[in-house]
Amino acid sequence: MITINEDTQDTYVKGTDAMNGLLENGLGLMILGMGFVFLFLVVLIYATGFMSTFIHRFFPDLPDKLESPAIKQSNSRQVASSHSTMDSKVVVAITAAIHQHRNK
């Protein structure tokens, strides 16, 4: 037959009370943290919408969509061909610098 001492029982009850208190504190902190994250994300969503509205209201001449990559490539080719004389000198200088660096 097992006998339970009152001191042992009190220690067990105190231990479970402490554990319950820790769990309650942990859950409270978890809910508080999740609440702050949720609140931050809501504020972030509204701030992004406000910034978008602000930009469109005060800068209406900006394009809504970016150009497609094909258009950007054709534009960059035109720019490159117009500056080919300047670019060829730069390419020669860079090539010479790389060659000199590798030969050290």
PDB file of N, CA and C in Angstrom:
ATOM      1  N   MET A   1       0.834  -1.167   0.000  1.00  0.00           N
ATOM      2  CA  MET A   1       0.000   0.000   0.000  1.00  0.00           C
ATOM      3  C   MET A   1       0.887   1.243   0.000  1.00  0.00           C
ATOM      4  N   ILE A   2       0.507   2.207  -0.835  1.00  0.00           N
ATOM      5  CA  ILE A   2       1.293   3.428  -0.969  1.00  0.00           C
ATOM      6  C   ILE A   2       0.636   4.508  -0.130  1.00  0.00           C
ATOM      7  N   THR A   3       1.440   5.146   0.655  1.00  0.00           N
ATOM      8  CA  THR A   3       0.923   6.251   1.455  1.00  0.00           C
ATOM      9  C   THR A   3       1.475   7.555   0.905  1.00  0.00           C
ATOM     10  N   ILE A   4       0.627   8.517   0.806  1.00  0.00           N
ATOM     11  CA  ILE A   4       1.041   9.821   0.289  1.00  0.00           C
ATOM     12  C   ILE A   4       1.161  10.761   1.462  1.00  0.00           C
ATOM     13  N   ASN A   5       2.287  11.307   1.564  1.00  0.00           N
ATOM     14  CA  ASN A   5       2.559  12.259   2.618  1.00  0.00           C
ATOM     15  C   ASN A   5       1.923  13.591   2.248  1.00  0.00           C
ATOM     16  N   GLU A   6       1.465  14.330   3.202  1.00  0.00           N
ATOM     17  CA  GLU A   6       0.862  15.630   2.900  1.00  0.00           C
ATOM     18  C   GLU A   6       1.885  16.582   2.304  1.00  0.00           C
ATOM     19  N   ASP A   7       3.131  16.503   2.764  1.00  0.00           N
ATOM     20  CA  ASP A   7       4.185  17.368   2.232  1.00  0.00           C
ATOM     21  C   ASP A   7       4.432  17.065   0.752  1.00  0.00           C
ATOM     22  N   THR A   8       4.446  15.778   0.408  1.00  0.00           N
ATOM     23  CA  THR A   8       4.666  15.384  -0.977  1.00  0.00           C
ATOM     24  C   THR A   8       3.515  15.855  -1.848  1.00  0.00           C
ATOM     25  N   GLN A   9       2.306  15.714  -1.350  1.00  0.00           N
ATOM     26  CA  GLN A   9       1.138  16.144  -2.106  1.00  0.00           C
ATOM     27  C   GLN A   9       1.149  17.657  -2.298  1.00  0.00           C
ATOM     28  N   ASP A  10       1.522  18.402  -1.282  1.00  0.00           N
ATOM     29  CA  ASP A  10       1.590  19.855  -1.402  1.00  0.00           C
ATOM     30  C   ASP A  10       2.637  20.264  -2.427  1.00  0.00           C
ATOM     31  N   THR A  11       3.779  19.571  -2.424  1.00  0.00           N
ATOM     32  CA  THR A  11       4.833  19.877  -3.395  1.00  0.00           C
ATOM     33  C   THR A  11       4.341  19.594  -4.808  1.00  0.00           C
ATOM     34  N   TYR A  12       3.629  18.481  -4.982  1.00  0.00           N
ATOM     35  CA  TYR A  12       3.103  18.137  -6.302  1.00  0.00           C
ATOM     36  C   TYR A  12       2.106  19.187  -6.773  1.00  0.00           C
ATOM     37  N   VAL A  13       1.217  19.607  -5.897  1.00  0.00           N
ATOM     38  CA  VAL A  13       0.214  20.609  -6.252  1.00  0.00           C
ATOM     39  C   VAL A  13       0.890  21.932  -6.567  1.00  0.00           C
ATOM     40  N   LYS A  14       1.878  22.320  -5.776  1.00  0.00           N
ATOM     41  CA  LYS A  14       2.593  23.562  -6.045  1.00  0.00           C
ATOM     42  C   LYS A  14       3.324  23.484  -7.383  1.00  0.00           C
ATOM     43  N   GLY A  15       3.889  22.320  -7.691  1.00  0.00           N
ATOM     44  CA  GLY A  15       4.594  22.146  -8.962  1.00  0.00           C
ATOM     45  C   GLY A  15       3.661  22.271 -10.148  1.00  0.00           C
ATOM     46  N   THR A  16       2.472  21.698 -10.057  1.00  0.00           N
ATOM     47  CA  THR A  16       1.525  21.815 -11.165  1.00  0.00           C
ATOM     48  C   THR A  16       0.998  23.229 -11.280  1.00  0.00           C
ATOM     49  N   ASP A  17       0.831  23.904 -10.141  1.00  0.00           N
ATOM     50  CA  ASP A  17       0.405  25.305 -10.202  1.00  0.00           C
ATOM     51  C   ASP A  17       1.460  26.159 -10.893  1.00  0.00           C
ATOM     52  N   ALA A  18       2.716  25.893 -10.571  1.00  0.00           N
ATOM     53  CA  ALA A  18       3.799  26.644 -11.208  1.00  0.00           C
ATOM     54  C   ALA A  18       3.834  26.346 -12.703  1.00  0.00           C
ATOM     55  N   MET A  19       3.635  25.084 -13.063  1.00  0.00           N
ATOM     56  CA  MET A  19       3.651  24.712 -14.478  1.00  0.00           C
ATOM     57  C   MET A  19       2.478  25.354 -15.208  1.00  0.00           C
ATOM     58  N   ASN A  20       1.312  25.369 -14.573  1.00  0.00           N
ATOM     59  CA  ASN A  20       0.154  26.015 -15.189  1.00  0.00           C
ATOM     60  C   ASN A  20       0.402  27.505 -15.369  1.00  0.00           C
ATOM     61  N   GLY A  21       1.037  28.116 -14.390  1.00  0.00           N
ATOM     62  CA  GLY A  21       1.364  29.531 -14.494  1.00  0.00           C
ATOM     63  C   GLY A  21       2.333  29.805 -15.633  1.00  0.00           C
ATOM     64  N   LEU A  22       3.314  28.924 -15.789  1.00  0.00           N
ATOM     65  CA  LEU A  22       4.266  29.086 -16.891  1.00  0.00           C
ATOM     66  C   LEU A  22       3.577  28.916 -18.245  1.00  0.00           C
ATOM     67  N   LEU A  23       2.693  27.929 -18.325  1.00  0.00           N
ATOM     68  CA  LEU A  23       1.962  27.722 -19.578  1.00  0.00           C
ATOM     69  C   LEU A  23       1.061  28.906 -19.894  1.00  0.00           C
ATOM     70  N   GLU A  24       0.399  29.428 -18.874  1.00  0.00           N
ATOM     71  CA  GLU A  24      -0.459  30.596 -19.095  1.00  0.00           C
ATOM     72  C   GLU A  24       0.361  31.796 -19.556  1.00  0.00           C
ATOM     73  N   ASN A  25       1.507  32.009 -18.914  1.00  0.00           N
ATOM     74  CA  ASN A  25       2.371  33.117 -19.329  1.00  0.00           C
ATOM     75  C   ASN A  25       2.881  32.916 -20.754  1.00  0.00           C
ATOM     76  N   GLY A  26       3.266  31.686 -21.061  1.00  0.00           N
ATOM     77  CA  GLY A  26       3.755  31.393 -22.409  1.00  0.00           C
ATOM     78  C   GLY A  26       2.689  31.609 -23.465  1.00  0.00           C
ATOM     79  N   LEU A  27       1.487  31.126 -23.195  1.00  0.00           N
ATOM     80  CA  LEU A  27       0.389  31.322 -24.146  1.00  0.00           C
ATOM     81  C   LEU A  27       0.026  32.797 -24.286  1.00  0.00           C
ATOM     82  N   GLY A  28       0.051  33.508 -23.162  1.00  0.00           N
ATOM     83  CA  GLY A  28      -0.238  34.946 -23.214  1.00  0.00           C
ATOM     84  C   GLY A  28       0.784  35.692 -24.055  1.00  0.00           C
ATOM     85  N   LEU A  29       2.067  35.377 -23.864  1.00  0.00           N
ATOM     86  CA  LEU A  29       3.112  36.020 -24.667  1.00  0.00           C
ATOM     87  C   LEU A  29       2.992  35.648 -26.145  1.00  0.00           C
ATOM     88  N   MET A  30       2.634  34.381 -26.413  1.00  0.00           N
ATOM     89  CA  MET A  30       2.482  33.950 -27.793  1.00  0.00           C
ATOM     90  C   MET A  30       1.343  34.715 -28.474  1.00  0.00           C
ATOM     91  N   ILE A  31       0.226  34.839 -27.800  1.00  0.00           N
ATOM     92  CA  ILE A  31      -0.921  35.558 -28.371  1.00  0.00           C
ATOM     93  C   ILE A  31      -0.593  37.034 -28.540  1.00  0.00           C
ATOM     94  N   LEU A  32       0.102  37.610 -27.564  1.00  0.00           N
ATOM     95  CA  LEU A  32       0.506  39.012 -27.666  1.00  0.00           C
ATOM     96  C   LEU A  32       1.452  39.225 -28.854  1.00  0.00           C
ATOM     97  N   GLY A  33       2.421  38.343 -29.010  1.00  0.00           N
ATOM     98  CA  GLY A  33       3.352  38.447 -30.134  1.00  0.00           C
ATOM     99  C   GLY A  33       2.652  38.289 -31.470  1.00  0.00           C
ATOM    100  N   MET A  34       1.751  37.315 -31.566  1.00  0.00           N
ATOM    101  CA  MET A  34       1.013  37.121 -32.810  1.00  0.00           C
ATOM    102  C   MET A  34       0.129  38.321 -33.107  1.00  0.00           C
ATOM    103  N   GLY A  35      -0.420  38.923 -32.061  1.00  0.00           N
ATOM    104  CA  GLY A  35      -1.243  40.121 -32.244  1.00  0.00           C
ATOM    105  C   GLY A  35      -0.429  41.280 -32.789  1.00  0.00           C
ATOM    106  N   PHE A  36       0.782  41.471 -32.247  1.00  0.00           N
ATOM    107  CA  PHE A  36       1.640  42.542 -32.750  1.00  0.00           C
ATOM    108  C   PHE A  36       2.040  42.305 -34.200  1.00  0.00           C
ATOM    109  N   VAL A  37       2.361  41.068 -34.550  1.00  0.00           N
ATOM    110  CA  VAL A  37       2.724  40.760 -35.937  1.00  0.00           C
ATOM    111  C   VAL A  37       1.535  41.016 -36.855  1.00  0.00           C
ATOM    112  N   PHE A  38       0.354  40.585 -36.457  1.00  0.00           N
ATOM    113  CA  PHE A  38      -0.843  40.812 -37.262  1.00  0.00           C
ATOM    114  C   PHE A  38      -1.104  42.304 -37.430  1.00  0.00           C
ATOM    115  N   LEU A  39      -0.989  43.050 -36.334  1.00  0.00           N
ATOM    116  CA  LEU A  39      -1.197  44.494 -36.394  1.00  0.00           C
ATOM    117  C   LEU A  39      -0.172  45.158 -37.312  1.00  0.00           C
ATOM    118  N   PHE A  40       1.087  44.740 -37.217  1.00  0.00           N
ATOM    119  CA  PHE A  40       2.128  45.287 -38.079  1.00  0.00           C
ATOM    120  C   PHE A  40       1.826  45.003 -39.546  1.00  0.00           C
ATOM    121  N   LEU A  41       1.389  43.790 -39.858  1.00  0.00           N
ATOM    122  CA  LEU A  41       1.091  43.449 -41.252  1.00  0.00           C
ATOM    123  C   LEU A  41      -0.099  44.243 -41.778  1.00  0.00           C
ATOM    124  N   VAL A  42      -1.105  44.462 -40.951  1.00  0.00           N
ATOM    125  CA  VAL A  42      -2.253  45.275 -41.370  1.00  0.00           C
ATOM    126  C   VAL A  42      -1.809  46.704 -41.647  1.00  0.00           C
ATOM    127  N   VAL A  43      -0.986  47.267 -40.754  1.00  0.00           N
ATOM    128  CA  VAL A  43      -0.473  48.626 -40.962  1.00  0.00           C
ATOM    129  C   VAL A  43       0.369  48.677 -42.228  1.00  0.00           C
ATOM    130  N   LEU A  44       1.167  47.646 -42.466  1.00  0.00           N
ATOM    131  CA  LEU A  44       2.001  47.592 -43.669  1.00  0.00           C
ATOM    132  C   LEU A  44       1.152  47.566 -44.936  1.00  0.00           C
ATOM    133  N   ILE A  45       0.064  46.820 -44.925  1.00  0.00           N
ATOM    134  CA  ILE A  45      -0.822  46.755 -46.089  1.00  0.00           C
ATOM    135  C   ILE A  45      -1.434  48.124 -46.368  1.00  0.00           C
ATOM    136  N   TYR A  46      -1.941  48.775 -45.328  1.00  0.00           N
ATOM    137  CA  TYR A  46      -2.534  50.099 -45.529  1.00  0.00           C
ATOM    138  C   TYR A  46      -1.489  51.135 -45.931  1.00  0.00           C
ATOM    139  N   ALA A  47      -0.292  51.055 -45.374  1.00  0.00           N
ATOM    140  CA  ALA A  47       0.768  52.002 -45.738  1.00  0.00           C
ATOM    141  C   ALA A  47       1.168  51.823 -47.198  1.00  0.00           C
ATOM    142  N   THR A  48       1.238  50.587 -47.665  1.00  0.00           N
ATOM    143  CA  THR A  48       1.574  50.336 -49.064  1.00  0.00           C
ATOM    144  C   THR A  48       0.489  50.880 -49.982  1.00  0.00           C
ATOM    145  N   GLY A  49      -0.760  50.662 -49.627  1.00  0.00           N
ATOM    146  CA  GLY A  49      -1.863  51.209 -50.421  1.00  0.00           C
ATOM    147  C   GLY A  49      -1.856  52.724 -50.438  1.00  0.00           C
ATOM    148  N   PHE A  50      -1.573  53.333 -49.277  1.00  0.00           N
ATOM    149  CA  PHE A  50      -1.505  54.790 -49.201  1.00  0.00           C
ATOM    150  C   PHE A  50      -0.371  55.325 -50.072  1.00  0.00           C
ATOM    151  N   MET A  51       0.786  54.673 -50.020  1.00  0.00           N
ATOM    152  CA  MET A  51       1.916  55.128 -50.843  1.00  0.00           C
ATOM    153  C   MET A  51       1.596  55.011 -52.327  1.00  0.00           C
ATOM    154  N   SER A  52       0.923  53.941 -52.710  1.00  0.00           N
ATOM    155  CA  SER A  52       0.543  53.772 -54.110  1.00  0.00           C
ATOM    156  C   SER A  52      -0.410  54.877 -54.544  1.00  0.00           C
ATOM    157  N   THR A  53      -1.402  55.171 -53.718  1.00  0.00           N
ATOM    158  CA  THR A  53      -2.343  56.251 -54.026  1.00  0.00           C
ATOM    159  C   THR A  53      -1.626  57.594 -54.095  1.00  0.00           C
ATOM    160  N   PHE A  54      -0.717  57.835 -53.165  1.00  0.00           N
ATOM    161  CA  PHE A  54       0.055  59.077 -53.125  1.00  0.00           C
ATOM    162  C   PHE A  54       0.879  59.251 -54.401  1.00  0.00           C
ATOM    163  N   ILE A  55       1.558  58.197 -54.817  1.00  0.00           N
ATOM    164  CA  ILE A  55       2.396  58.271 -56.022  1.00  0.00           C
ATOM    165  C   ILE A  55       1.534  58.524 -57.249  1.00  0.00           C
ATOM    166  N   HIS A  56       0.425  57.816 -57.383  1.00  0.00           N
ATOM    167  CA  HIS A  56      -0.439  57.996 -58.554  1.00  0.00           C
ATOM    168  C   HIS A  56      -1.110  59.365 -58.568  1.00  0.00           C
ATOM    169  N   ARG A  57      -1.381  59.933 -57.411  1.00  0.00           N
ATOM    170  CA  ARG A  57      -2.034  61.236 -57.356  1.00  0.00           C
ATOM    171  C   ARG A  57      -1.058  62.362 -57.703  1.00  0.00           C
ATOM    172  N   PHE A  58       0.142  62.320 -57.146  1.00  0.00           N
ATOM    173  CA  PHE A  58       1.073  63.425 -57.332  1.00  0.00           C
ATOM    174  C   PHE A  58       2.044  63.233 -58.496  1.00  0.00           C
ATOM    175  N   PHE A  59       2.170  62.022 -58.995  1.00  0.00           N
ATOM    176  CA  PHE A  59       3.038  61.746 -60.135  1.00  0.00           C
ATOM    177  C   PHE A  59       2.278  60.912 -61.167  1.00  0.00           C
ATOM    178  N   PRO A  60       1.254  61.478 -61.805  1.00  0.00           N
ATOM    179  CA  PRO A  60       0.426  60.686 -62.723  1.00  0.00           C
ATOM    180  C   PRO A  60       1.139  60.346 -64.031  1.00  0.00           C
ATOM    181  N   ASP A  61       2.229  61.042 -64.354  1.00  0.00           N
ATOM    182  CA  ASP A  61       2.887  60.811 -65.633  1.00  0.00           C
ATOM    183  C   ASP A  61       3.805  59.597 -65.617  1.00  0.00           C
ATOM    184  N   LEU A  62       4.023  58.967 -64.472  1.00  0.00           N
ATOM    185  CA  LEU A  62       4.848  57.772 -64.421  1.00  0.00           C
ATOM    186  C   LEU A  62       4.102  56.616 -65.080  1.00  0.00           C
ATOM    187  N   PRO A  63       4.813  55.739 -65.805  1.00  0.00           N
ATOM    188  CA  PRO A  63       4.127  54.612 -66.456  1.00  0.00           C
ATOM    189  C   PRO A  63       3.612  53.618 -65.421  1.00  0.00           C
ATOM    190  N   ASP A  64       2.442  53.060 -65.711  1.00  0.00           N
ATOM    191  CA  ASP A  64       1.853  52.090 -64.792  1.00  0.00           C
ATOM    192  C   ASP A  64       2.545  50.740 -64.874  1.00  0.00           C
ATOM    193  N   LYS A  65       2.950  50.365 -66.079  1.00  0.00           N
ATOM    194  CA  LYS A  65       3.591  49.072 -66.271  1.00  0.00           C
ATOM    195  C   LYS A  65       4.977  49.284 -66.842  1.00  0.00           C
ATOM    196  N   LEU A  66       5.870  48.403 -66.474  1.00  0.00           N
ATOM    197  CA  LEU A  66       7.215  48.462 -67.024  1.00  0.00           C
ATOM    198  C   LEU A  66       7.212  47.892 -68.434  1.00  0.00           C
ATOM    199  N   GLU A  67       8.210  48.287 -69.200  1.00  0.00           N
ATOM    200  CA  GLU A  67       8.309  47.762 -70.556  1.00  0.00           C
ATOM    201  C   GLU A  67       8.671  46.286 -70.497  1.00  0.00           C
ATOM    202  N   SER A  68       8.304  45.575 -71.549  1.00  0.00           N
ATOM    203  CA  SER A  68       8.629  44.158 -71.601  1.00  0.00           C
ATOM    204  C   SER A  68      10.132  43.991 -71.823  1.00  0.00           C
ATOM    205  N   PRO A  69      10.702  42.841 -71.453  1.00  0.00           N
ATOM    206  CA  PRO A  69      12.139  42.629 -71.627  1.00  0.00           C
ATOM    207  C   PRO A  69      12.597  42.731 -73.081  1.00  0.00           C
ATOM    208  N   ALA A  70      11.755  42.332 -74.040  1.00  0.00           N
ATOM    209  CA  ALA A  70      12.141  42.417 -75.452  1.00  0.00           C
ATOM    210  C   ALA A  70      12.331  43.872 -75.871  1.00  0.00           C
ATOM    211  N   ILE A  71      11.458  44.744 -75.409  1.00  0.00           N
ATOM    212  CA  ILE A  71      11.578  46.168 -75.745  1.00  0.00           C
ATOM    213  C   ILE A  71      12.821  46.751 -75.085  1.00  0.00           C
ATOM    214  N   LYS A  72      13.100  46.355 -73.848  1.00  0.00           N
ATOM    215  CA  LYS A  72      14.283  46.856 -73.164  1.00  0.00           C
ATOM    216  C   LYS A  72      15.554  46.427 -73.887  1.00  0.00           C
ATOM    217  N   GLN A  73      15.597  45.184 -74.377  1.00  0.00           N
ATOM    218  CA  GLN A  73      16.789  44.709 -75.078  1.00  0.00           C
ATOM    219  C   GLN A  73      16.996  45.472 -76.373  1.00  0.00           C
ATOM    220  N   SER A  74      15.925  45.724 -77.124  1.00  0.00           N
ATOM    221  CA  SER A  74      16.081  46.458 -78.380  1.00  0.00           C
ATOM    222  C   SER A  74      16.517  47.889 -78.108  1.00  0.00           C
ATOM    223  N   ASN A  75      16.007  48.499 -77.043  1.00  0.00           N
ATOM    224  CA  ASN A  75      16.431  49.848 -76.683  1.00  0.00           C
ATOM    225  C   ASN A  75      17.891  49.873 -76.263  1.00  0.00           C
ATOM    226  N   SER A  76      18.326  48.866 -75.523  1.00  0.00           N
ATOM    227  CA  SER A  76      19.719  48.844 -75.082  1.00  0.00           C
ATOM    228  C   SER A  76      20.653  48.620 -76.260  1.00  0.00           C
ATOM    229  N   ARG A  77      20.224  47.871 -77.279  1.00  0.00           N
ATOM    230  CA  ARG A  77      21.053  47.688 -78.479  1.00  0.00           C
ATOM    231  C   ARG A  77      21.208  49.001 -79.231  1.00  0.00           C
ATOM    232  N   GLN A  78      20.131  49.778 -79.312  1.00  0.00           N
ATOM    233  CA  GLN A  78      20.215  51.063 -80.000  1.00  0.00           C
ATOM    234  C   GLN A  78      21.156  52.002 -79.267  1.00  0.00           C
ATOM    235  N   VAL A  79      21.089  52.021 -77.958  1.00  0.00           N
ATOM    236  CA  VAL A  79      21.975  52.879 -77.171  1.00  0.00           C
ATOM    237  C   VAL A  79      23.411  52.412 -77.317  1.00  0.00           C
ATOM    238  N   ALA A  80      23.628  51.099 -77.310  1.00  0.00           N
ATOM    239  CA  ALA A  80      24.981  50.569 -77.429  1.00  0.00           C
ATOM    240  C   ALA A  80      25.582  50.899 -78.786  1.00  0.00           C
ATOM    241  N   SER A  81      24.798  50.829 -79.843  1.00  0.00           N
ATOM    242  CA  SER A  81      25.338  51.128 -81.170  1.00  0.00           C
ATOM    243  C   SER A  81      25.655  52.607 -81.318  1.00  0.00           C
ATOM    244  N   SER A  82      24.929  53.477 -80.645  1.00  0.00           N
ATOM    245  CA  SER A  82      25.191  54.905 -80.764  1.00  0.00           C
ATOM    246  C   SER A  82      26.452  55.312 -80.015  1.00  0.00           C
ATOM    247  N   HIS A  83      26.830  54.560 -79.015  1.00  0.00           N
ATOM    248  CA  HIS A  83      28.025  54.876 -78.240  1.00  0.00           C
ATOM    249  C   HIS A  83      29.142  53.868 -78.515  1.00  0.00           C
ATOM    250  N   SER A  84      29.180  53.277 -79.695  1.00  0.00           N
ATOM    251  CA  SER A  84      30.137  52.210 -79.965  1.00  0.00           C
ATOM    252  C   SER A  84      31.573  52.710 -79.978  1.00  0.00           C
ATOM    253  N   THR A  85      31.826  53.947 -80.444  1.00  0.00           N
ATOM    254  CA  THR A  85      33.202  54.439 -80.479  1.00  0.00           C
ATOM    255  C   THR A  85      33.733  54.642 -79.067  1.00  0.00           C
ATOM    256  N   MET A  86      32.926  55.170 -78.204  1.00  0.00           N
ATOM    257  CA  MET A  86      33.343  55.377 -76.820  1.00  0.00           C
ATOM    258  C   MET A  86      33.475  54.040 -76.107  1.00  0.00           C
ATOM    259  N   ASP A  87      32.547  53.127 -76.359  1.00  0.00           N
ATOM    260  CA  ASP A  87      32.574  51.838 -75.704  1.00  0.00           C
ATOM    261  C   ASP A  87      33.767  51.008 -76.147  1.00  0.00           C
ATOM    262  N   SER A  88      34.178  51.108 -77.385  1.00  0.00           N
ATOM    263  CA  SER A  88      35.310  50.305 -77.853  1.00  0.00           C
ATOM    264  C   SER A  88      36.585  50.713 -77.133  1.00  0.00           C
ATOM    265  N   LYS A  89      36.757  52.004 -76.860  1.00  0.00           N
ATOM    266  CA  LYS A  89      37.936  52.453 -76.116  1.00  0.00           C
ATOM    267  C   LYS A  89      37.897  51.940 -74.680  1.00  0.00           C
ATOM    268  N   VAL A  90      36.726  51.952 -74.095  1.00  0.00           N
ATOM    269  CA  VAL A  90      36.578  51.455 -72.723  1.00  0.00           C
ATOM    270  C   VAL A  90      36.833  49.963 -72.676  1.00  0.00           C
ATOM    271  N   VAL A  91      36.329  49.225 -73.660  1.00  0.00           N
ATOM    272  CA  VAL A  91      36.525  47.779 -73.710  1.00  0.00           C
ATOM    273  C   VAL A  91      38.005  47.461 -73.846  1.00  0.00           C
ATOM    274  N   VAL A  92      38.719  48.191 -74.679  1.00  0.00           N
ATOM    275  CA  VAL A  92      40.156  47.962 -74.854  1.00  0.00           C
ATOM    276  C   VAL A  92      40.893  48.228 -73.543  1.00  0.00           C
ATOM    277  N   ALA A  93      40.534  49.301 -72.850  1.00  0.00           N
ATOM    278  CA  ALA A  93      41.191  49.629 -71.588  1.00  0.00           C
ATOM    279  C   ALA A  93      40.915  48.569 -70.525  1.00  0.00           C
ATOM    280  N   ILE A  94      39.684  48.101 -70.453  1.00  0.00           N
ATOM    281  CA  ILE A  94      39.332  47.077 -69.466  1.00  0.00           C
ATOM    282  C   ILE A  94      40.040  45.772 -69.784  1.00  0.00           C
ATOM    283  N   THR A  95      40.084  45.405 -71.062  1.00  0.00           N
ATOM    284  CA  THR A  95      40.762  44.177 -71.473  1.00  0.00           C
ATOM    285  C   THR A  95      42.242  44.241 -71.128  1.00  0.00           C
ATOM    286  N   ALA A  96      42.877  45.374 -71.383  1.00  0.00           N
ATOM    287  CA  ALA A  96      44.296  45.527 -71.054  1.00  0.00           C
ATOM    288  C   ALA A  96      44.522  45.434 -69.548  1.00  0.00           C
ATOM    289  N   ALA A  97      43.637  46.024 -68.756  1.00  0.00           N
ATOM    290  CA  ALA A  97      43.777  45.969 -67.303  1.00  0.00           C
ATOM    291  C   ALA A  97      43.618  44.542 -66.786  1.00  0.00           C
ATOM    292  N   ILE A  98      42.672  43.806 -67.324  1.00  0.00           N
ATOM    293  CA  ILE A  98      42.472  42.410 -66.911  1.00  0.00           C
ATOM    294  C   ILE A  98      43.673  41.570 -67.303  1.00  0.00           C
ATOM    295  N   HIS A  99      44.184  41.773 -68.510  1.00  0.00           N
ATOM    296  CA  HIS A  99      45.347  41.022 -68.991  1.00  0.00           C
ATOM    297  C   HIS A  99      46.558  41.300 -68.098  1.00  0.00           C
ATOM    298  N   GLN A 100      46.765  42.567 -67.753  1.00  0.00           N
ATOM    299  CA  GLN A 100      47.889  42.936 -66.896  1.00  0.00           C
ATOM    300  C   GLN A 100      47.725  42.336 -65.499  1.00  0.00           C
ATOM    301  N   HIS A 101      46.512  42.319 -64.980  1.00  0.00           N
ATOM    302  CA  HIS A 101      46.260  41.762 -63.649  1.00  0.00           C
ATOM    303  C   HIS A 101      46.513  40.256 -63.625  1.00  0.00           C
ATOM    304  N   ARG A 102      46.121  39.560 -64.670  1.00  0.00           N
ATOM    305  CA  ARG A 102      46.298  38.105 -64.712  1.00  0.00           C
ATOM    306  C   ARG A 102      47.762  37.716 -64.888  1.00  0.00           C
ATOM    307  N   ASN A 103      48.547  38.566 -65.504  1.00  0.00           N
ATOM    308  CA  ASN A 103      49.957  38.248 -65.739  1.00  0.00           C
ATOM    309  C   ASN A 103      50.832  38.510 -64.520  1.00  0.00           C
ATOM    310  N   LYS A 104      50.318  39.106 -63.469  1.00  0.00           N
ATOM    311  CA  LYS A 104      51.126  39.377 -62.263  1.00  0.00           C
ATOM    312  C   LYS A 104      51.457  38.122 -61.524  1.00  0.00           C
TER     313      LYS A 104
END
